[in-house]
Protein backbone atom coordinates (compact mmCIF):
# COMPACT_ATOMS: atom_id res chain seq x y z
CA UNK A 1 0.00 0.00 0.00
CA UNK A 2 1.42 3.39 -0.96
CA UNK A 3 0.06 6.52 0.64
CA UNK A 4 1.81 9.70 1.70
CA UNK A 5 0.52 9.68 5.27
CA UNK A 6 1.66 6.12 6.05
CA UNK A 7 5.25 5.32 6.96
CA UNK A 8 6.38 1.71 7.33
CA UNK A 9 9.24 1.38 9.83
CA UNK A 10 12.04 -1.25 9.65
CA UNK A 11 10.82 -2.85 12.91
CA UNK A 12 7.47 -3.70 11.29
CA UNK A 13 5.57 -0.87 12.93
CA UNK A 14 3.66 1.80 11.01
CA UNK A 15 3.32 5.54 11.53
CA UNK A 16 0.46 7.72 10.34
CA UNK A 17 0.62 11.47 9.84
CA UNK A 18 -2.80 13.08 10.14
CA UNK A 19 -3.23 16.81 9.51
CA UNK A 20 -6.18 18.41 11.25
CA UNK A 21 -7.31 21.75 9.79
CA UNK A 22 -10.46 23.82 9.91
CA UNK A 23 -11.85 27.18 10.91
CA UNK A 24 -11.83 26.41 14.64
CA UNK A 25 -8.20 25.23 14.54
CA UNK A 26 -7.04 28.09 12.28
CA UNK A 27 -8.35 30.57 14.85
CA UNK A 28 -6.21 29.12 17.64
CA UNK A 29 -2.80 30.43 18.63
CA UNK A 30 0.10 28.04 18.01
CA UNK A 31 0.75 27.94 21.76
CA UNK A 32 -2.76 26.67 22.56
CA UNK A 33 -2.78 23.43 24.54
CA UNK A 34 -4.07 20.86 22.05
CA UNK A 35 -4.18 17.14 22.85
CA UNK A 36 -5.22 14.09 20.89
CA UNK A 37 -7.79 11.52 21.94
CA UNK A 38 -6.81 8.28 20.23
CA UNK A 39 -8.37 4.84 20.33
CA UNK A 40 -6.87 1.74 18.75
CA UNK A 41 -8.50 -1.67 18.88
CA UNK A 42 -6.92 -4.69 20.58
CA UNK A 43 -4.91 -5.65 17.48
CA UNK A 44 -2.72 -2.54 17.71
CA UNK A 45 -0.23 -1.29 20.29
CA UNK A 46 0.48 2.45 20.40
CA UNK A 47 4.19 3.32 20.25
CA UNK A 48 3.87 7.10 19.80
CA UNK A 49 1.09 9.67 19.98
CA UNK A 50 2.44 13.14 19.27
CA UNK A 51 0.62 16.34 18.32
CA UNK A 52 2.22 19.59 17.17
CA UNK A 53 1.28 22.80 15.46
CA UNK A 54 1.78 22.79 11.67
CA UNK A 55 2.44 26.37 10.47
CA UNK A 56 2.08 25.33 6.80
CA UNK A 57 -1.60 24.43 7.30
CA UNK A 58 -2.32 26.57 10.39
CA UNK A 59 -3.59 23.36 11.94
CA UNK A 60 -2.14 20.49 13.95
CA UNK A 61 -0.35 17.34 12.84
CA UNK A 62 -0.84 14.06 14.69
CA UNK A 63 1.91 11.45 14.48
CA UNK A 64 0.44 8.09 15.41
CA UNK A 65 2.95 5.23 15.53
CA UNK A 66 1.75 1.69 16.25
CA UNK A 67 2.69 -1.95 16.10
CA UNK A 68 0.23 -4.45 14.66
CA UNK A 69 -0.08 -7.57 16.80
CA UNK A 70 -1.59 -9.90 14.16
CA UNK A 71 -0.86 -8.89 10.56
CA UNK A 72 -3.71 -11.12 9.36
CA UNK A 73 -6.30 -8.88 11.07
CA UNK A 74 -7.14 -5.22 10.45
CA UNK A 75 -6.62 -2.46 13.04
CA UNK A 76 -9.37 0.09 13.72
CA UNK A 77 -8.19 3.57 14.75
CA UNK A 78 -9.89 6.83 15.67
CA UNK A 79 -8.50 10.21 16.68
CA UNK A 80 -9.75 13.70 17.45
CA UNK A 81 -8.21 16.86 18.88
CA UNK A 82 -9.30 18.41 22.17
CA UNK A 83 -8.51 21.31 24.46
CA UNK A 84 -9.54 20.24 27.95
CA UNK A 85 -13.12 18.99 27.59
CA UNK A 86 -13.73 20.92 24.34
CA UNK A 87 -13.57 18.95 21.07
CA UNK A 88 -11.64 20.92 18.41
CA UNK A 89 -11.88 18.66 15.35
CA UNK A 90 -13.87 16.08 13.53
CA UNK A 91 -12.95 12.47 14.27
CA UNK A 92 -10.44 10.79 11.95
CA UNK A 93 -11.35 7.13 11.53
CA UNK A 94 -9.25 4.56 9.67
CA UNK A 95 -9.07 0.81 9.26
CA UNK A 96 -5.51 -0.38 8.60
CA UNK A 97 -6.08 -3.47 6.43
CA UNK A 98 -4.84 -6.95 7.16
CA UNK A 99 -1.69 -8.00 5.35
CA UNK A 100 -2.87 -11.07 3.46
PDB file of N, CA and C in Angstrom:
ATOM      1  N   UNK A   1       0.847  -1.161   0.000  1.00  0.00           N
ATOM      2  CA  UNK A   1       0.000   0.000   0.000  1.00  0.00           C
ATOM      3  C   UNK A   1       0.896   1.228   0.000  1.00  0.00           C
ATOM      4  N   UNK A   2       0.659   2.147  -0.892  1.00  0.00           N
ATOM      5  CA  UNK A   2       1.416   3.394  -0.962  1.00  0.00           C
ATOM      6  C   UNK A   2       0.471   4.539  -0.650  1.00  0.00           C
ATOM      7  N   UNK A   3       0.784   5.297   0.359  1.00  0.00           N
ATOM      8  CA  UNK A   3       0.056   6.517   0.637  1.00  0.00           C
ATOM      9  C   UNK A   3       0.990   7.435   1.409  1.00  0.00           C
ATOM     10  N   UNK A   4       0.847   8.741   1.173  1.00  0.00           N
ATOM     11  CA  UNK A   4       1.814   9.698   1.705  1.00  0.00           C
ATOM     12  C   UNK A   4       1.744   9.855   3.216  1.00  0.00           C
ATOM     13  N   UNK A   5       0.634   9.499   3.825  1.00  0.00           N
ATOM     14  CA  UNK A   5       0.522   9.680   5.269  1.00  0.00           C
ATOM     15  C   UNK A   5       0.835   8.413   6.056  1.00  0.00           C
ATOM     16  N   UNK A   6       1.341   7.380   5.399  1.00  0.00           N
ATOM     17  CA  UNK A   6       1.661   6.117   6.049  1.00  0.00           C
ATOM     18  C   UNK A   6       3.151   5.839   5.884  1.00  0.00           C
ATOM     19  N   UNK A   7       3.823   5.597   6.995  1.00  0.00           N
ATOM     20  CA  UNK A   7       5.253   5.321   6.964  1.00  0.00           C
ATOM     21  C   UNK A   7       5.478   3.946   7.573  1.00  0.00           C
ATOM     22  N   UNK A   8       6.062   3.046   6.806  1.00  0.00           N
ATOM     23  CA  UNK A   8       6.383   1.714   7.325  1.00  0.00           C
ATOM     24  C   UNK A   8       7.800   1.753   7.891  1.00  0.00           C
ATOM     25  N   UNK A   9       7.951   1.345   9.145  1.00  0.00           N
ATOM     26  CA  UNK A   9       9.238   1.377   9.827  1.00  0.00           C
ATOM     27  C   UNK A   9       9.942   0.027   9.685  1.00  0.00           C
ATOM     28  N   UNK A  10      11.284   0.013   9.778  1.00  0.00           N
ATOM     29  CA  UNK A  10      12.040  -1.247   9.655  1.00  0.00           C
ATOM     30  C   UNK A  10      11.660  -2.304  10.695  1.00  0.00           C
ATOM     31  N   UNK A  11      11.179  -1.882  11.866  1.00  0.00           N
ATOM     32  CA  UNK A  11      10.822  -2.850  12.909  1.00  0.00           C
ATOM     33  C   UNK A  11       9.432  -3.453  12.702  1.00  0.00           C
ATOM     34  N   UNK A  12       8.785  -3.141  11.578  1.00  0.00           N
ATOM     35  CA  UNK A  12       7.467  -3.699  11.293  1.00  0.00           C
ATOM     36  C   UNK A  12       6.323  -2.824  11.761  1.00  0.00           C
ATOM     37  N   UNK A  13       6.619  -1.766  12.472  1.00  0.00           N
ATOM     38  CA  UNK A  13       5.568  -0.867  12.929  1.00  0.00           C
ATOM     39  C   UNK A  13       5.200   0.105  11.802  1.00  0.00           C
ATOM     40  N   UNK A  14       4.113   0.814  11.991  1.00  0.00           N
ATOM     41  CA  UNK A  14       3.662   1.800  11.013  1.00  0.00           C
ATOM     42  C   UNK A  14       3.390   3.119  11.715  1.00  0.00           C
ATOM     43  N   UNK A  15       3.603   4.207  10.995  1.00  0.00           N
ATOM     44  CA  UNK A  15       3.324   5.540  11.529  1.00  0.00           C
ATOM     45  C   UNK A  15       2.386   6.249  10.565  1.00  0.00           C
ATOM     46  N   UNK A  16       1.411   6.937  11.116  1.00  0.00           N
ATOM     47  CA  UNK A  16       0.462   7.719  10.335  1.00  0.00           C
ATOM     48  C   UNK A  16       0.662   9.183  10.672  1.00  0.00           C
ATOM     49  N   UNK A  17       0.593  10.032   9.659  1.00  0.00           N
ATOM     50  CA  UNK A  17       0.618  11.473   9.842  1.00  0.00           C
ATOM     51  C   UNK A  17      -0.761  11.975   9.445  1.00  0.00           C
ATOM     52  N   UNK A  18      -1.448  12.603  10.393  1.00  0.00           N
ATOM     53  CA  UNK A  18      -2.803  13.084  10.143  1.00  0.00           C
ATOM     54  C   UNK A  18      -2.820  14.584  10.402  1.00  0.00           C
ATOM     55  N   UNK A  19      -3.132  15.363   9.367  1.00  0.00           N
ATOM     56  CA  UNK A  19      -3.233  16.808   9.512  1.00  0.00           C
ATOM     57  C   UNK A  19      -4.674  17.195   9.796  1.00  0.00           C
ATOM     58  N   UNK A  20      -4.876  17.903  10.891  1.00  0.00           N
ATOM     59  CA  UNK A  20      -6.185  18.414  11.255  1.00  0.00           C
ATOM     60  C   UNK A  20      -6.199  19.908  10.937  1.00  0.00           C
ATOM     61  N   UNK A  21      -7.153  20.335  10.140  1.00  0.00           N
ATOM     62  CA  UNK A  21      -7.314  21.748   9.795  1.00  0.00           C
ATOM     63  C   UNK A  21      -8.798  22.092   9.861  1.00  0.00           C
ATOM     64  N   UNK A  22      -9.082  23.365   9.891  1.00  0.00           N
ATOM     65  CA  UNK A  22     -10.464  23.817   9.913  1.00  0.00           C
ATOM     66  C   UNK A  22     -10.553  25.179  10.567  1.00  0.00           C
ATOM     67  N   UNK A  23     -11.696  25.816  10.430  1.00  0.00           N
ATOM     68  CA  UNK A  23     -11.846  27.183  10.914  1.00  0.00           C
ATOM     69  C   UNK A  23     -11.608  27.303  12.417  1.00  0.00           C
ATOM     70  N   UNK A  24     -12.050  26.349  13.195  1.00  0.00           N
ATOM     71  CA  UNK A  24     -11.834  26.407  14.642  1.00  0.00           C
ATOM     72  C   UNK A  24     -10.349  26.300  14.975  1.00  0.00           C
ATOM     73  N   UNK A  25      -9.634  25.406  14.292  1.00  0.00           N
ATOM     74  CA  UNK A  25      -8.201  25.233  14.545  1.00  0.00           C
ATOM     75  C   UNK A  25      -7.388  26.417  14.024  1.00  0.00           C
ATOM     76  N   UNK A  26      -7.759  26.950  12.868  1.00  0.00           N
ATOM     77  CA  UNK A  26      -7.041  28.087  12.283  1.00  0.00           C
ATOM     78  C   UNK A  26      -7.097  29.301  13.205  1.00  0.00           C
ATOM     79  N   UNK A  27      -8.185  29.433  13.944  1.00  0.00           N
ATOM     80  CA  UNK A  27      -8.349  30.574  14.846  1.00  0.00           C
ATOM     81  C   UNK A  27      -7.568  30.454  16.143  1.00  0.00           C
ATOM     82  N   UNK A  28      -6.953  29.315  16.397  1.00  0.00           N
ATOM     83  CA  UNK A  28      -6.213  29.122  17.645  1.00  0.00           C
ATOM     84  C   UNK A  28      -4.769  29.583  17.503  1.00  0.00           C
ATOM     85  N   UNK A  29      -4.217  30.075  18.581  1.00  0.00           N
ATOM     86  CA  UNK A  29      -2.801  30.431  18.630  1.00  0.00           C
ATOM     87  C   UNK A  29      -1.969  29.152  18.653  1.00  0.00           C
ATOM     88  N   UNK A  30      -0.785  29.212  18.068  1.00  0.00           N
ATOM     89  CA  UNK A  30       0.096  28.036  18.010  1.00  0.00           C
ATOM     90  C   UNK A  30       0.473  27.521  19.394  1.00  0.00           C
ATOM     91  N   UNK A  31       0.390  28.366  20.408  1.00  0.00           N
ATOM     92  CA  UNK A  31       0.751  27.944  21.765  1.00  0.00           C
ATOM     93  C   UNK A  31      -0.423  27.340  22.538  1.00  0.00           C
ATOM     94  N   UNK A  32      -1.587  27.242  21.915  1.00  0.00           N
ATOM     95  CA  UNK A  32      -2.763  26.665  22.564  1.00  0.00           C
ATOM     96  C   UNK A  32      -2.486  25.207  22.928  1.00  0.00           C
ATOM     97  N   UNK A  33      -2.945  24.811  24.089  1.00  0.00           N
ATOM     98  CA  UNK A  33      -2.776  23.429  24.536  1.00  0.00           C
ATOM     99  C   UNK A  33      -3.770  22.530  23.789  1.00  0.00           C
ATOM    100  N   UNK A  34      -3.252  21.769  22.845  1.00  0.00           N
ATOM    101  CA  UNK A  34      -4.072  20.858  22.050  1.00  0.00           C
ATOM    102  C   UNK A  34      -3.583  19.443  22.329  1.00  0.00           C
ATOM    103  N   UNK A  35      -4.516  18.546  22.585  1.00  0.00           N
ATOM    104  CA  UNK A  35      -4.177  17.142  22.848  1.00  0.00           C
ATOM    105  C   UNK A  35      -4.964  16.259  21.890  1.00  0.00           C
ATOM    106  N   UNK A  36      -4.502  15.038  21.734  1.00  0.00           N
ATOM    107  CA  UNK A  36      -5.223  14.091  20.886  1.00  0.00           C
ATOM    108  C   UNK A  36      -5.903  13.042  21.753  1.00  0.00           C
ATOM    109  N   UNK A  37      -7.093  12.660  21.335  1.00  0.00           N
ATOM    110  CA  UNK A  37      -7.791  11.523  21.935  1.00  0.00           C
ATOM    111  C   UNK A  37      -7.740  10.418  20.889  1.00  0.00           C
ATOM    112  N   UNK A  38      -7.027   9.347  21.192  1.00  0.00           N
ATOM    113  CA  UNK A  38      -6.811   8.279  20.226  1.00  0.00           C
ATOM    114  C   UNK A  38      -7.331   6.966  20.793  1.00  0.00           C
ATOM    115  N   UNK A  39      -7.995   6.207  19.943  1.00  0.00           N
ATOM    116  CA  UNK A  39      -8.366   4.842  20.330  1.00  0.00           C
ATOM    117  C   UNK A  39      -7.909   3.898  19.230  1.00  0.00           C
ATOM    118  N   UNK A  40      -7.345   2.785  19.650  1.00  0.00           N
ATOM    119  CA  UNK A  40      -6.873   1.740  18.751  1.00  0.00           C
ATOM    120  C   UNK A  40      -7.430   0.422  19.283  1.00  0.00           C
ATOM    121  N   UNK A  41      -7.931  -0.412  18.395  1.00  0.00           N
ATOM    122  CA  UNK A  41      -8.504  -1.675  18.881  1.00  0.00           C
ATOM    123  C   UNK A  41      -7.414  -2.610  19.418  1.00  0.00           C
ATOM    124  N   UNK A  42      -7.829  -3.760  19.894  1.00  0.00           N
ATOM    125  CA  UNK A  42      -6.920  -4.690  20.579  1.00  0.00           C
ATOM    126  C   UNK A  42      -5.820  -5.264  19.690  1.00  0.00           C
ATOM    127  N   UNK A  43      -5.924  -5.103  18.374  1.00  0.00           N
ATOM    128  CA  UNK A  43      -4.905  -5.652  17.481  1.00  0.00           C
ATOM    129  C   UNK A  43      -3.741  -4.679  17.253  1.00  0.00           C
ATOM    130  N   UNK A  44      -3.791  -3.516  17.858  1.00  0.00           N
ATOM    131  CA  UNK A  44      -2.717  -2.543  17.713  1.00  0.00           C
ATOM    132  C   UNK A  44      -2.168  -2.110  19.052  1.00  0.00           C
ATOM    133  N   UNK A  45      -0.889  -1.791  19.081  1.00  0.00           N
ATOM    134  CA  UNK A  45      -0.231  -1.288  20.292  1.00  0.00           C
ATOM    135  C   UNK A  45       0.389   0.060  19.957  1.00  0.00           C
ATOM    136  N   UNK A  46      -0.022   1.115  20.671  1.00  0.00           N
ATOM    137  CA  UNK A  46       0.477   2.448  20.396  1.00  0.00           C
ATOM    138  C   UNK A  46       1.928   2.586  20.855  1.00  0.00           C
ATOM    139  N   UNK A  47       2.781   3.081  19.956  1.00  0.00           N
ATOM    140  CA  UNK A  47       4.186   3.324  20.249  1.00  0.00           C
ATOM    141  C   UNK A  47       4.414   4.817  20.464  1.00  0.00           C
ATOM    142  N   UNK A  48       3.714   5.647  19.689  1.00  0.00           N
ATOM    143  CA  UNK A  48       3.865   7.099  19.795  1.00  0.00           C
ATOM    144  C   UNK A  48       2.549   7.772  19.465  1.00  0.00           C
ATOM    145  N   UNK A  49       2.255   8.836  20.207  1.00  0.00           N
ATOM    146  CA  UNK A  49       1.085   9.670  19.981  1.00  0.00           C
ATOM    147  C   UNK A  49       1.565  11.092  20.227  1.00  0.00           C
ATOM    148  N   UNK A  50       1.840  11.824  19.150  1.00  0.00           N
ATOM    149  CA  UNK A  50       2.443  13.144  19.267  1.00  0.00           C
ATOM    150  C   UNK A  50       1.639  14.137  18.445  1.00  0.00           C
ATOM    151  N   UNK A  51       1.350  15.299  19.035  1.00  0.00           N
ATOM    152  CA  UNK A  51       0.617  16.342  18.317  1.00  0.00           C
ATOM    153  C   UNK A  51       1.426  17.630  18.359  1.00  0.00           C
ATOM    154  N   UNK A  52       1.514  18.303  17.196  1.00  0.00           N
ATOM    155  CA  UNK A  52       2.224  19.585  17.172  1.00  0.00           C
ATOM    156  C   UNK A  52       1.613  20.507  16.130  1.00  0.00           C
ATOM    157  N   UNK A  53       1.796  21.785  16.364  1.00  0.00           N
ATOM    158  CA  UNK A  53       1.278  22.803  15.460  1.00  0.00           C
ATOM    159  C   UNK A  53       1.989  22.702  14.115  1.00  0.00           C
ATOM    160  N   UNK A  54       1.230  22.829  13.020  1.00  0.00           N
ATOM    161  CA  UNK A  54       1.781  22.787  11.669  1.00  0.00           C
ATOM    162  C   UNK A  54       1.565  24.162  11.023  1.00  0.00           C
ATOM    163  N   UNK A  55       2.608  25.015  10.997  1.00  0.00           N
ATOM    164  CA  UNK A  55       2.440  26.365  10.466  1.00  0.00           C
ATOM    165  C   UNK A  55       2.067  26.398   8.976  1.00  0.00           C
ATOM    166  N   UNK A  56       2.403  25.367   8.233  1.00  0.00           N
ATOM    167  CA  UNK A  56       2.078  25.331   6.802  1.00  0.00           C
ATOM    168  C   UNK A  56       0.569  25.264   6.569  1.00  0.00           C
ATOM    169  N   UNK A  57      -0.155  24.578   7.459  1.00  0.00           N
ATOM    170  CA  UNK A  57      -1.603  24.431   7.300  1.00  0.00           C
ATOM    171  C   UNK A  57      -2.390  25.256   8.309  1.00  0.00           C
ATOM    172  N   UNK A  58      -1.689  25.847   9.268  1.00  0.00           N
ATOM    173  CA  UNK A  58      -2.317  26.565  10.394  1.00  0.00           C
ATOM    174  C   UNK A  58      -3.268  25.635  11.151  1.00  0.00           C
ATOM    175  N   UNK A  59      -2.850  24.381  11.215  1.00  0.00           N
ATOM    176  CA  UNK A  59      -3.594  23.364  11.944  1.00  0.00           C
ATOM    177  C   UNK A  59      -2.618  22.567  12.788  1.00  0.00           C
ATOM    178  N   UNK A  60      -2.998  21.352  13.141  1.00  0.00           N
ATOM    179  CA  UNK A  60      -2.143  20.495  13.955  1.00  0.00           C
ATOM    180  C   UNK A  60      -1.908  19.170  13.244  1.00  0.00           C
ATOM    181  N   UNK A  61      -0.711  18.628  13.441  1.00  0.00           N
ATOM    182  CA  UNK A  61      -0.350  17.343  12.839  1.00  0.00           C
ATOM    183  C   UNK A  61      -0.196  16.299  13.935  1.00  0.00           C
ATOM    184  N   UNK A  62      -0.914  15.196  13.785  1.00  0.00           N
ATOM    185  CA  UNK A  62      -0.837  14.061  14.694  1.00  0.00           C
ATOM    186  C   UNK A  62       0.095  13.022  14.088  1.00  0.00           C
ATOM    187  N   UNK A  63       1.077  12.591  14.854  1.00  0.00           N
ATOM    188  CA  UNK A  63       1.907  11.449  14.477  1.00  0.00           C
ATOM    189  C   UNK A  63       1.456  10.290  15.344  1.00  0.00           C
ATOM    190  N   UNK A  64       0.951   9.261  14.712  1.00  0.00           N
ATOM    191  CA  UNK A  64       0.442   8.086  15.408  1.00  0.00           C
ATOM    192  C   UNK A  64       1.265   6.899  14.938  1.00  0.00           C
ATOM    193  N   UNK A  65       2.020   6.315  15.845  1.00  0.00           N
ATOM    194  CA  UNK A  65       2.952   5.228  15.534  1.00  0.00           C
ATOM    195  C   UNK A  65       2.469   3.992  16.288  1.00  0.00           C
ATOM    196  N   UNK A  66       2.266   2.884  15.579  1.00  0.00           N
ATOM    197  CA  UNK A  66       1.752   1.695  16.251  1.00  0.00           C
ATOM    198  C   UNK A  66       2.361   0.424  15.695  1.00  0.00           C
ATOM    199  N   UNK A  67       2.294  -0.607  16.515  1.00  0.00           N
ATOM    200  CA  UNK A  67       2.693  -1.953  16.100  1.00  0.00           C
ATOM    201  C   UNK A  67       1.423  -2.788  15.972  1.00  0.00           C
ATOM    202  N   UNK A  68       1.361  -3.551  14.890  1.00  0.00           N
ATOM    203  CA  UNK A  68       0.232  -4.446  14.657  1.00  0.00           C
ATOM    204  C   UNK A  68       0.572  -5.788  15.286  1.00  0.00           C
ATOM    205  N   UNK A  69      -0.336  -6.308  16.114  1.00  0.00           N
ATOM    206  CA  UNK A  69      -0.079  -7.572  16.803  1.00  0.00           C
ATOM    207  C   UNK A  69      -0.244  -8.772  15.868  1.00  0.00           C
ATOM    208  N   UNK A  70      -1.325  -8.796  15.096  1.00  0.00           N
ATOM    209  CA  UNK A  70      -1.587  -9.901  14.165  1.00  0.00           C
ATOM    210  C   UNK A  70      -1.789  -9.299  12.780  1.00  0.00           C
ATOM    211  N   UNK A  71      -0.800  -9.480  11.899  1.00  0.00           N
ATOM    212  CA  UNK A  71      -0.859  -8.888  10.561  1.00  0.00           C
ATOM    213  C   UNK A  71      -1.977  -9.449   9.688  1.00  0.00           C
ATOM    214  N   UNK A  72      -2.628 -10.518  10.137  1.00  0.00           N
ATOM    215  CA  UNK A  72      -3.709 -11.119   9.357  1.00  0.00           C
ATOM    216  C   UNK A  72      -5.070 -10.545   9.742  1.00  0.00           C
ATOM    217  N   UNK A  73      -5.064  -9.549  10.647  1.00  0.00           N
ATOM    218  CA  UNK A  73      -6.305  -8.884  11.068  1.00  0.00           C
ATOM    219  C   UNK A  73      -6.139  -7.381  10.890  1.00  0.00           C
ATOM    220  N   UNK A  74      -7.230  -6.671  10.583  1.00  0.00           N
ATOM    221  CA  UNK A  74      -7.141  -5.220  10.455  1.00  0.00           C
ATOM    222  C   UNK A  74      -7.017  -4.540  11.828  1.00  0.00           C
ATOM    223  N   UNK A  75      -6.680  -3.267  11.817  1.00  0.00           N
ATOM    224  CA  UNK A  75      -6.623  -2.463  13.035  1.00  0.00           C
ATOM    225  C   UNK A  75      -7.527  -1.249  12.841  1.00  0.00           C
ATOM    226  N   UNK A  76      -8.468  -1.063  13.748  1.00  0.00           N
ATOM    227  CA  UNK A  76      -9.371   0.092  13.722  1.00  0.00           C
ATOM    228  C   UNK A  76      -8.776   1.200  14.577  1.00  0.00           C
ATOM    229  N   UNK A  77      -8.741   2.429  14.023  1.00  0.00           N
ATOM    230  CA  UNK A  77      -8.187   3.575  14.749  1.00  0.00           C
ATOM    231  C   UNK A  77      -9.130   4.758  14.630  1.00  0.00           C
ATOM    232  N   UNK A  78      -9.123   5.582  15.673  1.00  0.00           N
ATOM    233  CA  UNK A  78      -9.892   6.826  15.675  1.00  0.00           C
ATOM    234  C   UNK A  78      -9.079   7.872  16.426  1.00  0.00           C
ATOM    235  N   UNK A  79      -9.203   9.130  15.993  1.00  0.00           N
ATOM    236  CA  UNK A  79      -8.498  10.210  16.680  1.00  0.00           C
ATOM    237  C   UNK A  79      -9.244  11.524  16.488  1.00  0.00           C
ATOM    238  N   UNK A  80      -9.180  12.355  17.499  1.00  0.00           N
ATOM    239  CA  UNK A  80      -9.746  13.703  17.450  1.00  0.00           C
ATOM    240  C   UNK A  80      -8.873  14.597  18.318  1.00  0.00           C
ATOM    241  N   UNK A  81      -8.978  15.905  18.087  1.00  0.00           N
ATOM    242  CA  UNK A  81      -8.212  16.863  18.882  1.00  0.00           C
ATOM    243  C   UNK A  81      -9.116  17.536  19.901  1.00  0.00           C
ATOM    244  N   UNK A  82      -8.554  17.781  21.086  1.00  0.00           N
ATOM    245  CA  UNK A  82      -9.300  18.406  22.175  1.00  0.00           C
ATOM    246  C   UNK A  82      -8.440  19.448  22.876  1.00  0.00           C
ATOM    247  N   UNK A  83      -9.138  20.349  23.554  1.00  0.00           N
ATOM    248  CA  UNK A  83      -8.513  21.306  24.458  1.00  0.00           C
ATOM    249  C   UNK A  83      -9.323  21.201  25.735  1.00  0.00           C
ATOM    250  N   UNK A  84      -8.765  20.518  26.742  1.00  0.00           N
ATOM    251  CA  UNK A  84      -9.542  20.241  27.950  1.00  0.00           C
ATOM    252  C   UNK A  84     -10.712  19.338  27.586  1.00  0.00           C
ATOM    253  N   UNK A  85     -11.933  19.795  27.912  1.00  0.00           N
ATOM    254  CA  UNK A  85     -13.117  18.993  27.590  1.00  0.00           C
ATOM    255  C   UNK A  85     -13.803  19.474  26.304  1.00  0.00           C
ATOM    256  N   UNK A  86     -13.156  20.383  25.574  1.00  0.00           N
ATOM    257  CA  UNK A  86     -13.725  20.918  24.337  1.00  0.00           C
ATOM    258  C   UNK A  86     -13.138  20.192  23.119  1.00  0.00           C
ATOM    259  N   UNK A  87     -14.013  19.618  22.294  1.00  0.00           N
ATOM    260  CA  UNK A  87     -13.574  18.954  21.069  1.00  0.00           C
ATOM    261  C   UNK A  87     -13.269  20.014  20.016  1.00  0.00           C
ATOM    262  N   UNK A  88     -12.087  19.920  19.374  1.00  0.00           N
ATOM    263  CA  UNK A  88     -11.645  20.917  18.410  1.00  0.00           C
ATOM    264  C   UNK A  88     -11.728  20.463  16.955  1.00  0.00           C
ATOM    265  N   UNK A  89     -11.928  19.168  16.719  1.00  0.00           N
ATOM    266  CA  UNK A  89     -11.878  18.663  15.349  1.00  0.00           C
ATOM    267  C   UNK A  89     -12.932  17.590  15.123  1.00  0.00           C
ATOM    268  N   UNK A  90     -13.089  17.255  13.864  1.00  0.00           N
ATOM    269  CA  UNK A  90     -13.868  16.075  13.527  1.00  0.00           C
ATOM    270  C   UNK A  90     -13.048  14.855  13.918  1.00  0.00           C
ATOM    271  N   UNK A  91     -13.656  13.700  13.921  1.00  0.00           N
ATOM    272  CA  UNK A  91     -12.949  12.469  14.267  1.00  0.00           C
ATOM    273  C   UNK A  91     -12.397  11.815  13.006  1.00  0.00           C
ATOM    274  N   UNK A  92     -11.082  11.552  13.023  1.00  0.00           N
ATOM    275  CA  UNK A  92     -10.437  10.787  11.954  1.00  0.00           C
ATOM    276  C   UNK A  92     -10.651   9.318  12.292  1.00  0.00           C
ATOM    277  N   UNK A  93     -11.091   8.551  11.324  1.00  0.00           N
ATOM    278  CA  UNK A  93     -11.353   7.133  11.530  1.00  0.00           C
ATOM    279  C   UNK A  93     -10.699   6.372  10.372  1.00  0.00           C
ATOM    280  N   UNK A  94      -9.966   5.301  10.707  1.00  0.00           N
ATOM    281  CA  UNK A  94      -9.253   4.559   9.668  1.00  0.00           C
ATOM    282  C   UNK A  94      -9.160   3.090  10.055  1.00  0.00           C
ATOM    283  N   UNK A  95      -9.290   2.231   9.061  1.00  0.00           N
ATOM    284  CA  UNK A  95      -9.067   0.809   9.259  1.00  0.00           C
ATOM    285  C   UNK A  95      -7.810   0.437   8.485  1.00  0.00           C
ATOM    286  N   UNK A  96      -6.749   0.093   9.221  1.00  0.00           N
ATOM    287  CA  UNK A  96      -5.505  -0.378   8.601  1.00  0.00           C
ATOM    288  C   UNK A  96      -5.763  -1.816   8.186  1.00  0.00           C
ATOM    289  N   UNK A  97      -5.682  -2.129   6.889  1.00  0.00           N
ATOM    290  CA  UNK A  97      -6.084  -3.466   6.428  1.00  0.00           C
ATOM    291  C   UNK A  97      -5.129  -4.567   6.848  1.00  0.00           C
ATOM    292  N   UNK A  98      -5.668  -5.765   6.880  1.00  0.00           N
ATOM    293  CA  UNK A  98      -4.843  -6.952   7.158  1.00  0.00           C
ATOM    294  C   UNK A  98      -3.861  -7.140   6.016  1.00  0.00           C
ATOM    295  N   UNK A  99      -2.725  -7.714   6.335  1.00  0.00           N
ATOM    296  CA  UNK A  99      -1.686  -8.004   5.349  1.00  0.00           C
ATOM    297  C   UNK A  99      -1.854  -9.463   4.937  1.00  0.00           C
ATOM    298  N   UNK A 100      -2.559  -9.690   3.865  1.00  0.00           N
ATOM    299  CA  UNK A 100      -2.867 -11.068   3.461  1.00  0.00           C
ATOM    300  C   UNK A 100      -1.977 -11.559   2.370  1.00  0.00           C
TER     301      UNK A 100
END
